[in-house]
C-alpha atoms as a PDB file:
ATOM      1  CA  VAL A   1     176.769-158.461 -51.970  1.00  0.00           C
ATOM      2  CA  LEU A   2     179.394-158.701 -49.178  1.00  0.00           C
ATOM      3  CA  TYR A   3     176.852-157.220 -46.721  1.00  0.00           C
ATOM      4  CA  LYS A   4     174.328-159.836 -47.626  1.00  0.00           C
ATOM      5  CA  GLU A   5     176.897-162.633 -47.337  1.00  0.00           C
ATOM      6  CA  SER A   6     177.809-161.581 -43.791  1.00  0.00           C
ATOM      7  CA  VAL A   7     174.202-161.503 -42.742  1.00  0.00           C
ATOM      8  CA  GLY A   8     173.107-164.827 -41.360  1.00  0.00           C
ATOM      9  CA  THR A   9     169.723-166.397 -41.409  1.00  0.00           C
ATOM     10  CA  GLY A  10     167.172-164.734 -39.143  1.00  0.00           C
ATOM     11  CA  THR A  11     163.990-165.764 -37.517  1.00  0.00           C
ATOM     12  CA  PRO A  12     160.856-164.005 -38.844  1.00  0.00           C
ATOM     13  CA  THR A  13     158.707-162.335 -36.206  1.00  0.00           C
ATOM     14  CA  PRO A  14     155.044-161.627 -36.641  1.00  0.00           C
ATOM     15  CA  VAL A  15     153.789-157.979 -36.922  1.00  0.00           C
ATOM     16  CA  THR A  16     152.018-157.295 -33.643  1.00  0.00           C
ATOM     17  CA  PRO A  17     149.646-154.325 -32.933  1.00  0.00           C
ATOM     18  CA  GLU A  18     152.386-152.809 -30.764  1.00  0.00           C
ATOM     19  CA  MET A  19     154.743-152.831 -33.737  1.00  0.00           C
ATOM     20  CA  GLU A  20     152.092-151.248 -35.857  1.00  0.00           C
ATOM     21  CA  ARG A  21     151.608-148.450 -33.280  1.00  0.00           C
ATOM     22  CA  VAL A  22     155.351-147.805 -33.011  1.00  0.00           C
ATOM     23  CA  LYS A  23     155.590-147.665 -36.866  1.00  0.00           C
ATOM     24  CA  ARG A  24     152.780-145.073 -37.101  1.00  0.00           C
ATOM     25  CA  ASN A  25     154.371-143.008 -34.351  1.00  0.00           C
ATOM     26  CA  GLN A  26     157.673-143.005 -36.247  1.00  0.00           C
ATOM     27  CA  GLU A  27     155.942-141.840 -39.396  1.00  0.00           C
ATOM     28  CA  ILE A  28     154.200-139.045 -37.507  1.00  0.00           C
ATOM     29  CA  CYS A  29     157.440-137.967 -35.880  1.00  0.00           C
ATOM     30  CA  SER A  30     159.189-138.036 -39.303  1.00  0.00           C
ATOM     31  CA  SER A  31     156.463-135.871 -40.766  1.00  0.00           C
ATOM     32  CA  VAL A  32     156.667-133.343 -37.916  1.00  0.00           C
ATOM     33  CA  LEU A  33     160.463-133.144 -38.143  1.00  0.00           C
ATOM     34  CA  TYR A  34     160.307-132.672 -41.903  1.00  0.00           C
ATOM     35  CA  LYS A  35     157.893-129.781 -41.573  1.00  0.00           C
ATOM     36  CA  GLU A  36     160.025-128.195 -38.843  1.00  0.00           C
ATOM     37  CA  ASN A  37     163.103-128.301 -41.122  1.00  0.00           C
ATOM     38  CA  ILE A  38     161.310-126.516 -43.903  1.00  0.00           C
ATOM     39  CA  GLY A  39     162.134-122.816 -43.828  1.00  0.00           C
ATOM     40  CA  LYS A  40     160.120-119.852 -44.969  1.00  0.00           C
ATOM     41  CA  ALA A  41     159.633-119.525 -48.754  1.00  0.00           C
ATOM     42  CA  THR A  42     159.246-116.462 -50.944  1.00  0.00           C
ATOM     43  CA  PRO A  43     156.047-116.495 -53.029  1.00  0.00           C
ATOM     44  CA  THR A  44     156.562-115.974 -56.754  1.00  0.00           C
ATOM     45  CA  PRO A  45     153.965-114.495 -59.119  1.00  0.00           C
ATOM     46  CA  VAL A  46     152.325-116.699 -61.724  1.00  0.00           C
ATOM     47  CA  THR A  47     153.787-115.567 -65.066  1.00  0.00           C
ATOM     48  CA  PRO A  48     152.437-116.322 -68.508  1.00  0.00           C
ATOM     49  CA  GLU A  49     155.352-118.713 -69.003  1.00  0.00           C
ATOM     50  CA  MET A  50     154.377-120.668 -65.932  1.00  0.00           C
ATOM     51  CA  GLU A  51     150.764-120.763 -67.169  1.00  0.00           C
ATOM     52  CA  ARG A  52     151.913-122.139 -70.495  1.00  0.00           C
ATOM     53  CA  VAL A  53     154.038-124.844 -68.831  1.00  0.00           C
ATOM     54  CA  LYS A  54     151.168-125.779 -66.568  1.00  0.00           C
ATOM     55  CA  ARG A  55     148.775-126.158 -69.565  1.00  0.00           C
ATOM     56  CA  ASN A  56     151.351-128.240 -71.406  1.00  0.00           C
ATOM     57  CA  GLN A  57     151.748-130.477 -68.438  1.00  0.00           C
ATOM     58  CA  GLU A  58     147.952-130.964 -68.226  1.00  0.00           C
ATOM     59  CA  ILE A  59     147.757-131.786 -71.926  1.00  0.00           C
ATOM     60  CA  ILE A  60     150.648-134.267 -71.627  1.00  0.00           C
ATOM     61  CA  SER A  61     148.976-135.891 -68.592  1.00  0.00           C
ATOM     62  CA  SER A  62     145.707-136.139 -70.457  1.00  0.00           C
ATOM     63  CA  VAL A  63     147.458-137.769 -73.443  1.00  0.00           C
ATOM     64  CA  LEU A  64     149.336-140.255 -71.190  1.00  0.00           C
ATOM     65  CA  TYR A  65     146.110-141.013 -69.348  1.00  0.00           C
ATOM     66  CA  LYS A  66     144.256-141.756 -72.582  1.00  0.00           C
ATOM     67  CA  GLU A  67     147.148-143.983 -73.773  1.00  0.00           C
ATOM     68  CA  ASN A  68     146.960-146.021 -70.558  1.00  0.00           C
ATOM     69  CA  VAL A  69     143.213-146.523 -70.852  1.00  0.00           C
ATOM     70  CA  GLY A  70     142.474-149.928 -72.301  1.00  0.00           C
ATOM     71  CA  LYS A  71     139.655-151.064 -74.478  1.00  0.00           C
ATOM     72  CA  VAL A  72     136.164-150.973 -72.985  1.00  0.00           C
ATOM     73  CA  THR A  73     132.942-152.655 -73.917  1.00  0.00           C
ATOM     74  CA  PRO A  74     130.145-150.179 -74.798  1.00  0.00           C
ATOM     75  CA  THR A  75     126.832-150.695 -73.027  1.00  0.00           C
ATOM     76  CA  PRO A  76     123.458-149.608 -74.405  1.00  0.00           C
ATOM     77  CA  ILE A  77     121.560-146.782 -72.761  1.00  0.00           C
ATOM     78  CA  THR A  78     118.574-148.357 -71.113  1.00  0.00           C
ATOM     79  CA  PRO A  79     115.429-146.544 -69.952  1.00  0.00           C
ATOM     80  CA  GLU A  80     116.568-147.072 -66.372  1.00  0.00           C
ATOM     81  CA  MET A  81     119.837-145.268 -67.114  1.00  0.00           C
ATOM     82  CA  GLU A  82     117.872-142.423 -68.770  1.00  0.00           C
ATOM     83  CA  ARG A  83     115.664-142.143 -65.623  1.00  0.00           C
ATOM     84  CA  VAL A  84     118.668-142.078 -63.267  1.00  0.00           C
ATOM     85  CA  LYS A  85     120.365-139.427 -65.459  1.00  0.00           C
ATOM     86  CA  ARG A  86     117.240-137.217 -65.401  1.00  0.00           C
ATOM     87  CA  ASN A  87     116.966-137.581 -61.633  1.00  0.00           C
ATOM     88  CA  GLN A  88     120.611-136.575 -61.176  1.00  0.00           C
ATOM     89  CA  GLU A  89     120.136-133.532 -63.333  1.00  0.00           C
ATOM     90  CA  ILE A  90     117.032-132.510 -61.300  1.00  0.00           C
ATOM     91  CA  ILE A  91     118.865-133.058 -58.029  1.00  0.00           C
ATOM     92  CA  SER A  92     121.849-131.056 -59.290  1.00  0.00           C
ATOM     93  CA  SER A  93     119.555-128.234 -60.343  1.00  0.00           C
ATOM     94  CA  VAL A  94     117.827-128.185 -56.933  1.00  0.00           C
ATOM     95  CA  LEU A  95     121.142-128.227 -55.057  1.00  0.00           C
ATOM     96  CA  TYR A  96     122.547-125.453 -57.278  1.00  0.00           C
ATOM     97  CA  LYS A  97     119.539-123.257 -56.640  1.00  0.00           C
ATOM     98  CA  GLU A  98     119.770-123.844 -52.850  1.00  0.00           C
ATOM     99  CA  ASN A  99     123.427-122.710 -52.861  1.00  0.00           C
ATOM    100  CA  VAL A 100     122.665-119.554 -54.765  1.00  0.00           C
ATOM    101  CA  GLY A 101     122.360-116.598 -52.422  1.00  0.00           C
ATOM    102  CA  GLN A 102     120.236-113.496 -52.714  1.00  0.00           C
ATOM    103  CA  ALA A 103     121.209-111.070 -55.452  1.00  0.00           C
ATOM    104  CA  THR A 104     120.546-107.362 -55.920  1.00  0.00           C
ATOM    105  CA  PRO A 105     118.730-106.674 -59.244  1.00  0.00           C
ATOM    106  CA  THR A 106     120.203-103.899 -61.347  1.00  0.00           C
ATOM    107  CA  PRO A 107     118.094-101.860 -63.816  1.00  0.00           C
ATOM    108  CA  VAL A 108     118.797-102.171 -67.529  1.00  0.00           C
ATOM    109  CA  THR A 109     120.098 -98.790 -68.600  1.00  0.00           C
ATOM    110  CA  PRO A 110     120.266 -97.488 -72.214  1.00  0.00           C
ATOM    111  CA  GLU A 111     124.042 -97.805 -72.027  1.00  0.00           C
ATOM    112  CA  MET A 112     123.724-101.493 -71.150  1.00  0.00           C
ATOM    113  CA  GLU A 113     121.325-102.004 -74.040  1.00  0.00           C
ATOM    114  CA  ARG A 114     123.764-100.270 -76.428  1.00  0.00           C
ATOM    115  CA  VAL A 115     126.640-102.434 -75.271  1.00  0.00           C
ATOM    116  CA  LYS A 116     124.490-105.571 -75.596  1.00  0.00           C
ATOM    117  CA  ARG A 117     123.543-104.693 -79.156  1.00  0.00           C
ATOM    118  CA  ASN A 118     127.177-103.920 -80.035  1.00  0.00           C
ATOM    119  CA  GLN A 119     128.249-107.309 -78.644  1.00  0.00           C
ATOM    120  CA  GLU A 120     125.600-109.097 -80.680  1.00  0.00           C
ATOM    121  CA  GLN A 121     126.746-107.288 -83.865  1.00  0.00           C
ATOM    122  CA  ILE A 122     130.386-108.061 -83.103  1.00  0.00           C
ATOM    123  CA  SER A 123     129.499-111.739 -82.419  1.00  0.00           C
ATOM    124  CA  SER A 124     127.569-111.921 -85.701  1.00  0.00           C
ATOM    125  CA  VAL A 125     130.427-110.351 -87.693  1.00  0.00           C
ATOM    126  CA  ALA A 126     133.048-112.659 -86.013  1.00  0.00           C
ATOM    127  CA  TYR A 127     130.814-115.695 -86.703  1.00  0.00           C
ATOM    128  CA  ARG A 128     130.497-114.782 -90.349  1.00  0.00           C
ATOM    129  CA  GLU A 129     134.241-114.197 -90.669  1.00  0.00           C
ATOM    130  CA  GLY A 130     134.863-117.710 -89.312  1.00  0.00           C
ATOM    131  CA  LEU A 131     132.613-119.315 -91.894  1.00  0.00           C
ATOM    132  CA  GLY A 132     134.318-120.688 -94.942  1.00  0.00           C
ATOM    133  CA  LYS A 133     133.151-120.524 -98.520  1.00  0.00           C
ATOM    134  CA  ALA A 134     130.325-122.885 -99.345  1.00  0.00           C
ATOM    135  CA  THR A 135     129.039-124.219-102.631  1.00  0.00           C
ATOM    136  CA  PRO A 136     125.279-123.615-103.007  1.00  0.00           C
ATOM    137  CA  SER A 137     123.337-126.693-104.136  1.00  0.00           C
ATOM    138  CA  PRO A 138     119.884-126.501-105.832  1.00  0.00           C
ATOM    139  CA  VAL A 139     116.870-127.880-104.095  1.00  0.00           C
ATOM    140  CA  THR A 140     115.861-130.801-106.309  1.00  0.00           C
ATOM    141  CA  PRO A 141     112.437-132.559-106.329  1.00  0.00           C
ATOM    142  CA  GLU A 142     114.126-135.571-104.700  1.00  0.00           C
ATOM    143  CA  MET A 143     115.376-133.421-101.794  1.00  0.00           C
ATOM    144  CA  GLU A 144     111.875-131.962-101.392  1.00  0.00           C
ATOM    145  CA  ARG A 145     110.398-135.435-101.292  1.00  0.00           C
ATOM    146  CA  VAL A 146     112.923-136.637 -98.679  1.00  0.00           C
ATOM    147  CA  LYS A 147     112.210-133.537 -96.567  1.00  0.00           C
ATOM    148  CA  ARG A 148     108.501-134.150 -96.623  1.00  0.00           C
ATOM    149  CA  ASN A 149     108.997-137.820 -95.726  1.00  0.00           C
ATOM    150  CA  GLN A 150     111.216-136.857 -92.771  1.00  0.00           C
ATOM    151  CA  GLU A 151     108.573-134.420 -91.484  1.00  0.00           C
ATOM    152  CA  GLN A 152     105.853-137.065 -91.775  1.00  0.00           C
ATOM    153  CA  ILE A 153     108.037-139.682 -89.993  1.00  0.00           C
ATOM    154  CA  SER A 154     108.823-137.197 -87.205  1.00  0.00           C
ATOM    155  CA  SER A 155     105.126-136.397 -86.823  1.00  0.00           C
ATOM    156  CA  VAL A 156     104.234-140.087 -86.682  1.00  0.00           C
ATOM    157  CA  LEU A 157     106.936-140.890 -84.112  1.00  0.00           C
ATOM    158  CA  TYR A 158     105.876-137.875 -81.979  1.00  0.00           C
ATOM    159  CA  LYS A 159     102.259-139.066 -81.981  1.00  0.00           C
ATOM    160  CA  GLU A 160     103.325-142.637 -81.131  1.00  0.00           C
ATOM    161  CA  HIS A 161     105.114-141.429 -77.957  1.00  0.00           C
ATOM    162  CA  MET A 162     102.085-139.507 -76.815  1.00  0.00           C
ATOM    163  CA  ALA A 163      99.908-141.293 -74.278  1.00  0.00           C
ATOM    164  CA  LYS A 164      96.141-141.475 -74.510  1.00  0.00           C
ATOM    165  CA  GLY A 165      94.299-138.589 -72.973  1.00  0.00           C
ATOM    166  CA  THR A 166      90.829-138.242 -71.508  1.00  0.00           C
ATOM    167  CA  PRO A 167      88.702-135.717 -73.388  1.00  0.00           C
ATOM    168  CA  THR A 168      87.007-133.127 -71.140  1.00  0.00           C
ATOM    169  CA  PRO A 169      83.888-131.169 -72.142  1.00  0.00           C
ATOM    170  CA  LEU A 170      84.259-127.494 -72.800  1.00  0.00           C
ATOM    171  CA  THR A 171      82.103-125.878 -70.173  1.00  0.00           C
ATOM    172  CA  PRO A 172      80.959-122.225 -70.073  1.00  0.00           C
ATOM    173  CA  GLU A 173      83.278-121.697 -67.094  1.00  0.00           C
ATOM    174  CA  MET A 174      86.244-122.853 -69.155  1.00  0.00           C
ATOM    175  CA  GLU A 175      85.202-120.549 -72.015  1.00  0.00           C
ATOM    176  CA  ARG A 176      85.011-117.629 -69.584  1.00  0.00           C
ATOM    177  CA  ALA A 177      88.422-118.431 -68.100  1.00  0.00           C
ATOM    178  CA  LYS A 178      89.885-118.679 -71.604  1.00  0.00           C
ATOM    179  CA  ARG A 179      88.533-115.292 -72.563  1.00  0.00           C
ATOM    180  CA  ASN A 180      89.854-113.735 -69.388  1.00  0.00           C
ATOM    181  CA  GLN A 181      93.266-115.179 -69.992  1.00  0.00           C
ATOM    182  CA  GLU A 182      93.235-113.760 -73.524  1.00  0.00           C
ATOM    183  CA  ASN A 183      92.236-110.357 -72.228  1.00  0.00           C
ATOM    184  CA  ILE A 184      94.912-110.437 -69.538  1.00  0.00           C
ATOM    185  CA  SER A 185      97.557-111.460 -72.049  1.00  0.00           C
ATOM    186  CA  SER A 186      96.455-108.651 -74.372  1.00  0.00           C
ATOM    187  CA  VAL A 187      96.611-106.069 -71.567  1.00  0.00           C
ATOM    188  CA  LEU A 188     100.070-107.231 -70.442  1.00  0.00           C
ATOM    189  CA  TYR A 189     101.361-107.219 -73.988  1.00  0.00           C
ATOM    190  CA  SER A 190     100.032-103.727 -74.612  1.00  0.00           C
ATOM    191  CA  ASP A 191     101.590-102.482 -71.367  1.00  0.00           C
ATOM    192  CA  SER A 192     104.913-104.083 -72.246  1.00  0.00           C
ATOM    193  CA  PHE A 193     104.759-102.598 -75.722  1.00  0.00           C
ATOM    194  CA  ARG A 194     104.043 -99.129 -74.404  1.00  0.00           C
ATOM    195  CA  LYS A 195     106.838 -99.279 -71.826  1.00  0.00           C
ATOM    196  CA  GLN A 196     109.520-100.891 -74.005  1.00  0.00           C
ATOM    197  CA  VAL A 197     108.815-100.106 -77.632  1.00  0.00           C
ATOM    198  CA  GLN A 198     106.320 -97.213 -77.971  1.00  0.00           C
ATOM    199  CA  GLY A 199     108.018 -93.804 -78.422  1.00  0.00           C
ATOM    200  CA  LYS A 200     111.501 -95.335 -78.840  1.00  0.00           C
ATOM    201  CA  ALA A 201     113.239 -95.267 -82.163  1.00  0.00           C
ATOM    202  CA  ALA A 202     115.184 -98.217 -83.490  1.00  0.00           C
ATOM    203  CA  TYR A 203     118.798 -97.196 -84.130  1.00  0.00           C
ATOM    204  CA  VAL A 204     120.193 -98.571 -87.428  1.00  0.00           C
ATOM    205  CA  LEU A 205     123.698 -97.912 -88.674  1.00  0.00           C
ATOM    206  CA  ASP A 206     123.639 -95.653 -91.743  1.00  0.00           C
ATOM    207  CA  THR A 207     126.226 -97.495 -93.815  1.00  0.00           C
ATOM    208  CA  PRO A 208     127.291 -96.607 -97.383  1.00  0.00           C
ATOM    209  CA  GLU A 209     125.513 -99.792 -98.552  1.00  0.00           C
ATOM    210  CA  MET A 210     122.231 -98.706 -96.993  1.00  0.00           C
ATOM    211  CA  ARG A 211     122.550 -95.215 -98.470  1.00  0.00           C
ATOM    212  CA  ARG A 212     123.149 -96.703-101.896  1.00  0.00           C
ATOM    213  CA  VAL A 213     120.101 -99.018-101.593  1.00  0.00           C
ATOM    214  CA  ARG A 214     117.954 -96.034-100.429  1.00  0.00           C
ATOM    215  CA  GLU A 215     119.044 -93.931-103.360  1.00  0.00           C
ATOM    216  CA  THR A 216     118.355 -96.786-105.740  1.00  0.00           C
ATOM    217  CA  GLN A 217     114.892 -97.252-104.298  1.00  0.00           C
ATOM    218  CA  LYS A 218     114.170 -93.543-104.780  1.00  0.00           C
ATOM    219  CA  HIS A 219     115.219 -93.716-108.412  1.00  0.00           C
ATOM    220  CA  ILE A 220     113.121 -96.803-109.014  1.00  0.00           C
ATOM    221  CA  SER A 221     110.098 -95.177-107.413  1.00  0.00           C
ATOM    222  CA  THR A 222     110.530 -92.026-109.503  1.00  0.00           C
ATOM    223  CA  VAL A 223     110.876 -94.052-112.692  1.00  0.00           C
ATOM    224  CA  LYS A 224     107.787 -96.119-111.858  1.00  0.00           C
ATOM    225  CA  TYR A 225     105.760 -92.986-111.060  1.00  0.00           C
ATOM    226  CA  HIS A 226     106.676 -91.299-114.317  1.00  0.00           C
ATOM    227  CA  GLU A 227     105.957 -94.488-116.211  1.00  0.00           C
ATOM    228  CA  ASP A 228     102.502 -94.740-114.701  1.00  0.00           C
ATOM    229  CA  PHE A 229     101.872 -91.032-115.312  1.00  0.00           C
ATOM    230  CA  GLU A 230     102.798 -91.304-118.984  1.00  0.00           C
ATOM    231  CA  LYS A 231     100.532 -94.354-119.410  1.00  0.00           C
ATOM    232  CA  SER A 232      97.521 -92.606-117.809  1.00  0.00           C
ATOM    233  CA  LYS A 233      98.139 -89.230-119.472  1.00  0.00           C
ATOM    234  CA  GLY A 234      95.431 -88.297-122.004  1.00  0.00           C
ATOM    235  CA  SER A 235      93.013 -90.940-120.744  1.00  0.00           C
ATOM    236  CA  PHE A 236      89.875 -90.394-118.635  1.00  0.00           C
ATOM    237  CA  THR A 237      87.527 -92.481-116.587  1.00  0.00           C
ATOM    238  CA  PRO A 238      83.890 -92.405-117.836  1.00  0.00           C
ATOM    239  CA  VAL A 239      81.308 -91.744-115.102  1.00  0.00           C
ATOM    240  CA  VAL A 240      77.579 -92.487-115.418  1.00  0.00           C
ATOM    241  CA  THR A 241      75.529 -89.291-115.115  1.00  0.00           C
ATOM    242  CA  ASP A 242      72.364 -89.834-113.113  1.00  0.00           C
ATOM    243  CA  PRO A 243      69.770 -87.315-111.812  1.00  0.00           C
ATOM    244  CA  ILE A 244      71.353 -87.191-108.352  1.00  0.00           C
ATOM    245  CA  THR A 245      74.731 -86.378-109.796  1.00  0.00           C
ATOM    246  CA  GLU A 246      73.218 -83.665-111.958  1.00  0.00           C
ATOM    247  CA  ARG A 247      71.405 -82.117-108.941  1.00  0.00           C
ATOM    248  CA  VAL A 248      74.604 -82.088-106.829  1.00  0.00           C
ATOM    249  CA  LYS A 249      76.550 -80.592-109.696  1.00  0.00           C
ATOM    250  CA  LYS A 250      73.963 -77.803-110.159  1.00  0.00           C
ATOM    251  CA  ASN A 251      73.949 -77.013-106.431  1.00  0.00           C
ATOM    252  CA  MET A 252      77.758 -76.835-106.343  1.00  0.00           C
ATOM    253  CA  GLN A 253      77.646 -74.500-109.352  1.00  0.00           C
ATOM    254  CA  ASP A 254      75.087 -72.261-107.608  1.00  0.00           C
ATOM    255  CA  PHE A 255      77.176 -72.144-104.408  1.00  0.00           C
ATOM    256  CA  SER A 256      80.232 -71.255-106.483  1.00  0.00           C
ATOM    257  CA  ASP A 257      78.357 -68.418-108.278  1.00  0.00           C
ATOM    258  CA  ILE A 258      77.071 -67.032-104.957  1.00  0.00           C
ATOM    259  CA  SER A 259      80.512 -67.032-103.475  1.00  0.00           C
ATOM    260  CA  TYR A 260      82.166 -65.558-106.532  1.00  0.00           C
ATOM    261  CA  ARG A 261      79.658 -62.727-107.162  1.00  0.00           C
ATOM    262  CA  GLY A 262      79.109 -61.816-103.506  1.00  0.00           C
ATOM    263  CA  ILE A 263      75.348 -62.401-103.712  1.00  0.00           C
ATOM    264  CA  GLN A 264      75.257 -63.930-100.267  1.00  0.00           C
ATOM    265  CA  ARG A 265      76.888 -60.861 -98.726  1.00  0.00           C
ATOM    266  CA  ARG A 266      74.388 -58.496-100.331  1.00  0.00           C
ATOM    267  CA  VAL A 267      71.476 -60.640 -99.179  1.00  0.00           C
ATOM    268  CA  VAL A 268      72.759 -60.394 -95.582  1.00  0.00           C
ATOM    269  CA  GLU A 269      73.092 -56.608 -95.869  1.00  0.00           C
ATOM    270  CA  MET A 270      69.587 -56.233 -97.267  1.00  0.00           C
ATOM    271  CA  GLU A 271      68.167 -58.404 -94.473  1.00  0.00           C
ATOM    272  CA  ARG A 272      69.961 -56.326 -91.835  1.00  0.00           C
ATOM    273  CA  LYS A 273      68.586 -53.066 -93.360  1.00  0.00           C
ATOM    274  CA  ARG A 274      65.072 -54.509 -93.446  1.00  0.00           C
ATOM    275  CA  VAL A 275      65.337 -55.429 -89.755  1.00  0.00           C
ATOM    276  CA  ASP A 276      66.599 -51.877 -88.873  1.00  0.00           C
ATOM    277  CA  GLN A 277      63.696 -50.357 -90.814  1.00  0.00           C
ATOM    278  CA  ASP A 278      61.153 -52.495 -89.039  1.00  0.00           C
ATOM    279  CA  GLN A 279      62.643 -51.458 -85.698  1.00  0.00           C
ATOM    280  CA  GLU A 280      62.371 -47.748 -86.659  1.00  0.00           C
ATOM    281  CA  ASN A 281      58.736 -48.158 -87.744  1.00  0.00           C
ATOM    282  CA  LEU A 282      57.901 -49.812 -84.386  1.00  0.00           C
ATOM    283  CA  THR A 283      59.637 -47.086 -82.313  1.00  0.00           C
ATOM    284  CA  GLY A 284      58.246 -44.257 -84.410  1.00  0.00           C
END
């Protein structure tokens, strides 16, 4: 207060370009002197406590920022905004692909496949553990009706958004190209199947639950087999006897008698003796 009382009235002077230049030079000099006075510092490692404090500061800053944001007026999403958004996504995708360098492909080894399957199983188990208990609700006729109506509405809306197309005749050339594509797809699928699936066994964990189910299935199959056997025991299936069946039956009986009694073997021996005798008569 005393300082301001002793100060008299002054004459204001305009800020000239020269004064602006001097002011900027003073700021630059002050910045240089400030950096010269700073000594060497010792780097400290980033500890978990520092990480926690940093996250807390970010959360507090986010909360304060949201508190300072006033009320806004929502605007509807127009087709022009949708178009601009799609264009931005396409441009971002193109720029991202341009910045990606060349990579070296690595083969997928059995160990990598095993780790991938284990990760999927762990993810599935962790997902199921995170699910709470739910109350099952029956599917009522009203729910079925609403579901069918939703499917019909979705189908109608989908067809409304489709533009009109120009029908093209199905020429023999198109038929040939279609068949070639099907053949190529079949060949590629077969090759992929042979390389990836054929000859490889699917590994399944043999858990106690699976062993119990397997034993139960065996018991059920055994019981069912014995039940069917007891029902069919003592019964026979009638067969119509016709002349062809009788002839086949008689031929089979004759073959059985020949094999059992050795008649065929004796006939062969007699034929060989007859041939030997004929040869002796010719030479004698």
